[in-house]
Protein backbone atom coordinates (compact mmCIF):
# COMPACT_ATOMS: atom_id res chain seq x y z
CA MET A 1 10.57 -6.06 -19.34
CA ARG A 2 10.05 -4.28 -16.01
CA HIS A 3 8.61 -5.44 -12.65
CA LEU A 4 7.47 -3.60 -9.52
CA MET A 5 8.91 -5.19 -6.36
CA SER A 6 9.42 -2.02 -4.31
CA PRO A 7 8.20 1.62 -4.44
CA LEU A 8 11.85 2.51 -4.91
CA ASP A 9 11.85 0.75 -8.35
CA PHE A 10 10.55 4.00 -9.72
CA THR A 11 12.45 7.30 -9.48
CA PRO A 12 10.56 10.29 -8.06
CA GLU A 13 10.40 11.63 -11.62
CA GLU A 14 8.89 8.40 -12.87
CA LEU A 15 6.46 8.44 -10.01
CA ASP A 16 5.33 11.93 -11.02
CA ARG A 17 4.61 10.68 -14.52
CA LEU A 18 2.71 7.66 -13.08
CA PHE A 19 0.64 9.93 -10.81
CA ASP A 20 -0.02 12.38 -13.65
CA LEU A 21 -1.31 9.41 -15.67
CA ALA A 22 -3.44 8.19 -12.73
CA ASN A 23 -4.98 11.72 -12.34
CA ASP A 24 -5.71 11.83 -16.05
CA ILE A 25 -7.39 8.38 -15.86
CA GLU A 26 -9.53 9.72 -13.00
CA SER A 27 -10.57 12.80 -15.05
CA HIS A 28 -10.98 11.03 -18.44
CA PRO A 29 -11.86 7.36 -17.84
CA GLY A 30 -13.36 6.94 -21.28
CA LYS A 31 -10.02 7.69 -22.95
CA TYR A 32 -8.54 4.56 -21.36
CA ALA A 33 -11.52 2.16 -21.54
CA HIS A 34 -9.99 -0.05 -24.31
CA THR A 35 -6.23 0.38 -23.84
CA CYS A 36 -5.92 -3.25 -22.53
CA ASP A 37 -8.34 -4.90 -24.97
CA GLY A 38 -7.11 -8.45 -25.46
CA ARG A 39 -4.70 -8.39 -22.50
CA ILE A 40 -4.96 -10.66 -19.43
CA LEU A 41 -3.97 -9.96 -15.79
CA ALA A 42 -3.22 -12.94 -13.61
CA THR A 43 -3.97 -12.32 -9.88
CA CYS A 44 -1.97 -14.90 -7.83
CA PHE A 45 -2.93 -14.33 -4.21
CA TYR A 46 -1.47 -16.82 -1.76
CA GLU A 47 -3.12 -15.10 1.17
CA PRO A 48 -6.56 -13.45 1.66
CA SER A 49 -7.14 -9.90 0.35
CA THR A 50 -10.16 -7.84 -0.50
CA ARG A 51 -9.13 -4.29 -1.53
CA THR A 52 -5.82 -5.15 -3.22
CA ARG A 53 -7.11 -8.07 -5.26
CA LEU A 54 -10.39 -6.41 -6.22
CA SER A 55 -8.78 -3.07 -7.08
CA PHE A 56 -6.39 -4.92 -9.44
CA GLU A 57 -9.37 -6.70 -11.01
CA SER A 58 -11.32 -3.45 -11.24
CA ALA A 59 -8.26 -1.65 -12.76
CA MET A 60 -7.80 -4.25 -15.54
CA THR A 61 -11.53 -4.49 -16.20
CA ARG A 62 -11.81 -0.65 -16.57
CA LEU A 63 -8.95 -0.80 -19.02
CA GLY A 64 -10.78 -3.28 -21.18
CA GLY A 65 -8.72 -6.31 -20.21
CA ARG A 66 -9.62 -9.60 -18.49
CA VAL A 67 -8.56 -11.26 -15.23
CA ILE A 68 -7.71 -14.82 -14.28
CA GLY A 69 -6.16 -16.17 -11.08
CA PHE A 70 -6.75 -17.50 -7.57
CA ALA A 71 -7.70 -15.88 -4.34
CA ASP A 72 -5.87 -18.14 -1.79
CA ALA A 73 -3.13 -20.74 -1.77
CA ALA A 74 -5.60 -23.56 -1.09
CA SER A 75 -7.28 -23.06 -4.45
CA SER A 76 -3.93 -23.17 -6.33
CA SER A 77 -1.39 -25.92 -7.08
CA ALA A 78 0.62 -24.51 -4.18
CA SER A 79 -1.54 -26.81 -2.04
CA LYS A 80 0.02 -29.67 -4.00
CA GLY A 81 3.56 -28.40 -3.38
CA GLU A 82 4.18 -26.46 -6.63
CA SER A 83 6.84 -23.83 -6.27
CA VAL A 84 6.36 -20.12 -6.95
CA SER A 85 9.01 -20.40 -9.75
CA ASP A 86 7.04 -23.13 -11.52
CA THR A 87 3.71 -21.34 -11.06
CA ILE A 88 4.95 -18.11 -12.67
CA ARG A 89 6.48 -20.02 -15.60
CA VAL A 90 3.09 -21.55 -16.29
CA ILE A 91 1.23 -18.25 -15.72
CA SER A 92 3.57 -16.50 -18.15
CA GLY A 93 2.00 -18.58 -20.92
CA TYR A 94 -1.53 -17.68 -19.86
CA ALA A 95 -1.41 -13.94 -19.07
CA ASP A 96 0.30 -10.72 -20.06
CA ILE A 97 0.98 -9.37 -16.58
CA CYS A 98 0.79 -10.81 -12.95
CA ALA A 99 -0.02 -9.32 -9.55
CA MET A 100 1.24 -11.59 -6.77
CA ARG A 101 0.65 -11.55 -2.99
CA HIS A 102 2.50 -14.01 -0.86
CA PRO A 103 2.98 -14.52 2.90
CA LYS A 104 6.68 -15.16 2.44
CA GLU A 105 8.96 -12.17 2.09
CA GLY A 106 10.76 -12.13 -1.26
CA ALA A 107 8.44 -14.60 -3.01
CA PRO A 108 7.33 -12.13 -5.71
CA MET A 109 11.06 -11.35 -6.37
CA VAL A 110 11.67 -15.09 -6.94
CA ALA A 111 8.75 -15.10 -9.32
CA ALA A 112 10.03 -12.01 -11.26
CA GLU A 113 13.41 -13.72 -11.80
CA LYS A 114 11.73 -16.64 -13.61
CA SER A 115 8.81 -14.85 -15.19
CA GLY A 116 8.25 -14.10 -18.84
CA ILE A 117 5.79 -11.30 -18.06
CA PRO A 118 5.82 -8.24 -15.72
CA VAL A 119 5.27 -9.12 -12.07
CA ILE A 120 3.76 -6.72 -9.57
CA ASN A 121 4.44 -7.32 -5.85
CA ALA A 122 0.97 -7.05 -4.29
CA GLY A 123 2.39 -7.60 -0.77
CA ASP A 124 4.96 -10.05 0.61
CA GLY A 125 4.71 -10.93 4.28
CA GLY A 126 5.67 -7.99 6.55
CA HIS A 127 8.10 -6.71 3.96
CA GLN A 128 6.73 -4.55 1.15
CA HIS A 129 3.38 -3.44 -0.27
CA PRO A 130 4.39 -1.17 -3.05
CA THR A 131 1.07 -0.61 -4.78
CA GLN A 132 -0.41 0.49 -1.43
CA THR A 133 2.48 2.89 -1.07
CA LEU A 134 1.82 4.20 -4.60
CA THR A 135 -1.85 4.60 -3.60
CA ASP A 136 -0.81 6.51 -0.43
CA LEU A 137 1.56 8.85 -2.36
CA LEU A 138 -1.13 9.55 -5.03
CA THR A 139 -3.70 10.34 -2.34
CA ILE A 140 -1.33 12.72 -0.51
CA ARG A 141 -0.24 14.45 -3.77
CA SER A 142 -3.81 14.73 -5.12
CA LEU A 143 -5.38 16.07 -1.83
CA LYS A 144 -2.42 18.04 -0.43
CA GLY A 145 -0.98 19.13 -3.77
CA ARG A 146 2.52 18.12 -2.86
CA LEU A 147 4.84 15.30 -1.74
CA GLY A 148 7.01 16.96 0.80
CA ASP A 149 7.05 19.73 3.39
CA PHE A 150 4.80 17.99 5.96
CA THR A 151 4.75 16.12 9.27
CA ILE A 152 3.21 12.65 9.09
CA GLY A 153 2.22 10.53 12.08
CA LEU A 154 2.16 6.78 11.66
CA CYS A 155 0.09 5.11 14.32
CA GLY A 156 -0.49 1.56 15.42
CA ASP A 157 1.42 -1.52 14.34
CA LEU A 158 4.73 -0.06 13.16
CA LYS A 159 6.64 -3.33 13.69
CA PHE A 160 4.79 -5.68 11.35
CA GLY A 161 3.02 -3.19 9.14
CA ARG A 162 4.45 -3.54 5.64
CA THR A 163 2.44 -0.53 4.47
CA VAL A 164 4.24 1.59 7.04
CA HIS A 165 7.69 0.29 6.07
CA SER A 166 7.09 0.90 2.41
CA LEU A 167 5.68 4.38 2.92
CA ILE A 168 8.60 5.50 5.08
CA ASN A 169 11.14 4.30 2.50
CA ALA A 170 9.21 6.12 -0.26
CA LEU A 171 8.78 9.42 1.58
CA ILE A 172 12.41 9.85 2.57
CA ARG A 173 13.18 10.76 -1.05
CA TYR A 174 11.12 13.98 -0.72
CA ASP A 175 12.12 17.22 0.95
CA ASN A 176 11.29 18.37 4.48
CA ILE A 177 9.45 15.25 5.74
CA ARG A 178 9.12 14.88 9.47
CA PHE A 179 8.01 11.54 10.97
CA VAL A 180 6.15 10.92 14.27
CA PHE A 181 5.97 7.25 15.21
CA ILE A 182 3.04 6.48 17.57
CA SER A 183 2.95 2.98 18.92
CA PRO A 184 3.15 0.82 22.08
CA GLU A 185 6.66 -0.35 22.98
CA GLU A 186 5.98 -3.84 21.58
CA LEU A 187 5.04 -2.55 18.12
CA ARG A 188 7.67 0.12 17.65
CA VAL A 189 9.14 0.75 14.19
CA PRO A 190 12.12 -1.64 13.54
CA ASP A 191 15.58 -0.36 14.42
CA TYR A 192 16.82 -0.63 10.84
CA ILE A 193 14.35 2.10 9.90
CA THR A 194 15.21 4.48 12.77
CA ASP A 195 18.94 3.88 12.16
CA MET A 196 18.48 4.73 8.48
CA LEU A 197 16.56 7.97 9.39
CA LYS A 198 19.37 8.95 11.79
CA GLU A 199 22.01 8.28 9.13
CA LYS A 200 20.15 10.50 6.59
CA GLY A 201 19.45 13.19 9.12
CA ILE A 202 15.72 12.94 8.76
CA PRO A 203 13.83 14.15 11.89
CA PHE A 204 11.55 11.71 13.70
CA GLN A 205 10.15 11.17 17.18
CA GLU A 206 8.70 8.12 18.89
CA VAL A 207 5.70 8.51 21.27
CA ILE A 208 3.19 6.30 22.93
CA ARG A 209 0.20 8.74 23.27
CA LEU A 210 -1.54 9.89 20.10
CA GLU A 211 -3.12 12.85 21.92
CA ASN A 212 0.28 14.37 22.67
CA VAL A 213 1.12 14.90 18.98
CA MET A 214 -2.16 15.32 17.17
CA SER A 215 -1.74 19.06 16.91
CA GLN A 216 1.60 18.72 15.13
CA LEU A 217 0.41 16.52 12.29
CA ASP A 218 -0.40 17.36 8.66
CA LEU A 219 -1.17 13.70 7.94
CA LEU A 220 -2.15 10.80 10.24
CA TYR A 221 -1.64 7.35 8.89
CA MET A 222 -3.59 4.85 11.02
CA THR A 223 -2.97 1.12 10.87
CA ARG A 224 -4.69 -1.95 12.45
CA VAL A 225 -2.92 -4.35 14.75
CA GLN A 226 -2.57 -7.42 12.54
CA LYS A 227 -3.72 -10.56 14.12
CA GLU A 228 -2.13 -12.73 11.41
CA ARG A 229 1.35 -11.41 12.30
CA PHE A 230 1.13 -12.42 15.97
CA PHE A 231 2.51 -15.75 17.28
CA ASN A 232 0.11 -15.85 20.21
CA GLU A 233 -3.48 -14.67 20.82
CA GLU A 234 -2.69 -13.18 24.18
CA ASP A 235 -0.39 -10.49 22.80
CA TYR A 236 -2.86 -9.61 20.04
CA VAL A 237 -5.79 -9.23 22.45
CA ARG A 238 -3.69 -7.06 24.73
CA LEU A 239 -2.66 -4.66 21.97
CA LYS A 240 -5.50 -4.68 19.44
CA ASP A 241 -7.40 -1.73 21.07
CA PHE A 242 -4.37 0.32 22.14
CA TYR A 243 -5.33 3.13 19.74
CA ILE A 244 -8.82 4.18 18.81
CA LEU A 245 -9.18 7.41 16.83
CA ASN A 246 -12.48 9.13 17.71
CA ALA A 247 -14.16 12.49 17.28
CA GLY A 248 -12.68 13.77 20.57
CA LYS A 249 -9.14 13.21 19.35
CA MET A 250 -9.96 14.75 16.00
CA LEU A 251 -10.76 18.03 17.85
CA LEU A 252 -7.09 18.24 18.69
CA ALA A 253 -6.01 18.11 15.01
CA LYS A 254 -5.37 20.80 12.44
CA LYS A 255 -8.34 21.86 10.32
CA ASP A 256 -6.59 20.59 7.17
CA MET A 257 -5.04 17.42 8.57
CA LEU A 258 -5.84 14.26 6.57
CA VAL A 259 -6.50 10.77 8.08
CA LEU A 260 -5.34 7.88 5.92
CA HIS A 261 -5.69 4.15 6.50
CA PRO A 262 -4.64 1.28 4.15
CA LEU A 263 -7.72 -0.70 5.26
CA PRO A 264 -9.17 -3.07 6.39
CA ARG A 265 -10.22 -1.19 9.58
CA VAL A 266 -11.14 -3.20 12.62
CA ASN A 267 -11.89 -0.64 15.43
CA GLU A 268 -8.87 1.59 15.43
CA ILE A 269 -10.94 4.41 13.79
CA SER A 270 -14.41 4.93 15.25
CA VAL A 271 -17.16 5.11 12.61
CA GLU A 272 -18.05 8.63 13.92
CA VAL A 273 -14.83 9.85 12.25
CA ASP A 274 -16.07 8.76 8.81
CA SER A 275 -18.22 11.88 8.42
CA ASP A 276 -15.27 14.19 9.17
CA PRO A 277 -14.11 15.70 5.86
CA ARG A 278 -10.53 15.07 6.90
CA ALA A 279 -11.10 11.36 6.87
CA VAL A 280 -10.00 10.34 3.41
CA TYR A 281 -9.41 6.59 3.72
CA PHE A 282 -12.27 5.63 1.41
CA LYS A 283 -11.10 8.15 -1.22
CA GLN A 284 -7.68 6.56 -0.72
CA ALA A 285 -9.07 3.13 -1.61
CA LYS A 286 -10.57 4.58 -4.84
CA TYR A 287 -7.24 6.22 -5.74
CA GLY A 288 -5.83 2.64 -5.52
CA VAL A 289 -7.75 1.69 -8.66
CA TYR A 290 -6.45 4.65 -10.62
CA VAL A 291 -2.79 4.09 -9.61
CA ARG A 292 -2.99 0.39 -10.47
CA MET A 293 -4.58 1.24 -13.87
CA ALA A 294 -1.66 3.63 -14.46
CA LEU A 295 0.88 0.98 -13.33
CA ILE A 296 -0.53 -1.76 -15.60
CA LEU A 297 -0.39 0.63 -18.59
CA THR A 298 3.18 1.64 -17.72
CA LEU A 299 4.47 -1.93 -17.30
CA LEU A 300 2.75 -3.12 -20.42
CA GLU A 301 3.97 -0.02 -22.30
CA LEU A 302 0.42 0.80 -23.40
CA ILE A 303 0.12 4.44 -22.45
CA PRO A 304 -1.95 6.21 -25.11
């Protein structure tokens, strides 16, 4: 039995097979419409989510399976004090696979150690968000035709953004990747990441102004400043509008640069950018369904 706790749980070769499967699902959805008949996915979400939870539910439904679960901790026995370990032991008797989101780092790993079914980490605190990273990689590979040989700018909340941390760790396994970290001083990427990049000899630069580096980028990964990660309202209000991508800034970018965003968007990308063909964040959300379908099939060993 296999779980997914981190994007690094799959080798690059295994990821290629996963993405090939996701692309095949996109091209031939009817071929996979009944592969999970009689199977049940449990979605155990201890903190709010729209895209991740609904994309898991959509993925399982499109595969012919069913979904049970809860959308926040208050509607689960966690509100009565039940531990994650006990919850997953119970869920293992109800479902065939589980997707878990939790505000505490490492909680899905605890669940996986006690689980009788495959567990997918759907986000744990500011730590990891592996299925978002798989979505990001599939989007890049599908639209750029490669995973490697590009410069990627990561902009916004690089300190608390688990999507950013996961994506960096996944991309360093590919050749000729250059990182540009764009953030205010208070939200810089953690030292353990820059130390790791230095140790591996992977080029990166840290800047404050997005305009200064737009022309260098093949990919721009925007993130929101996450209110839920701040300890006080004052800091959040001061930083939340630090970056706003608009049509004027897009004029500085390459004609084939792609703009990604894990969503939800607040106001860090102006709606005027949505009509730009380089804005692919809504396509990216759709790719999230295909990659989660492929992941469910892989972990349940149900690939046709």
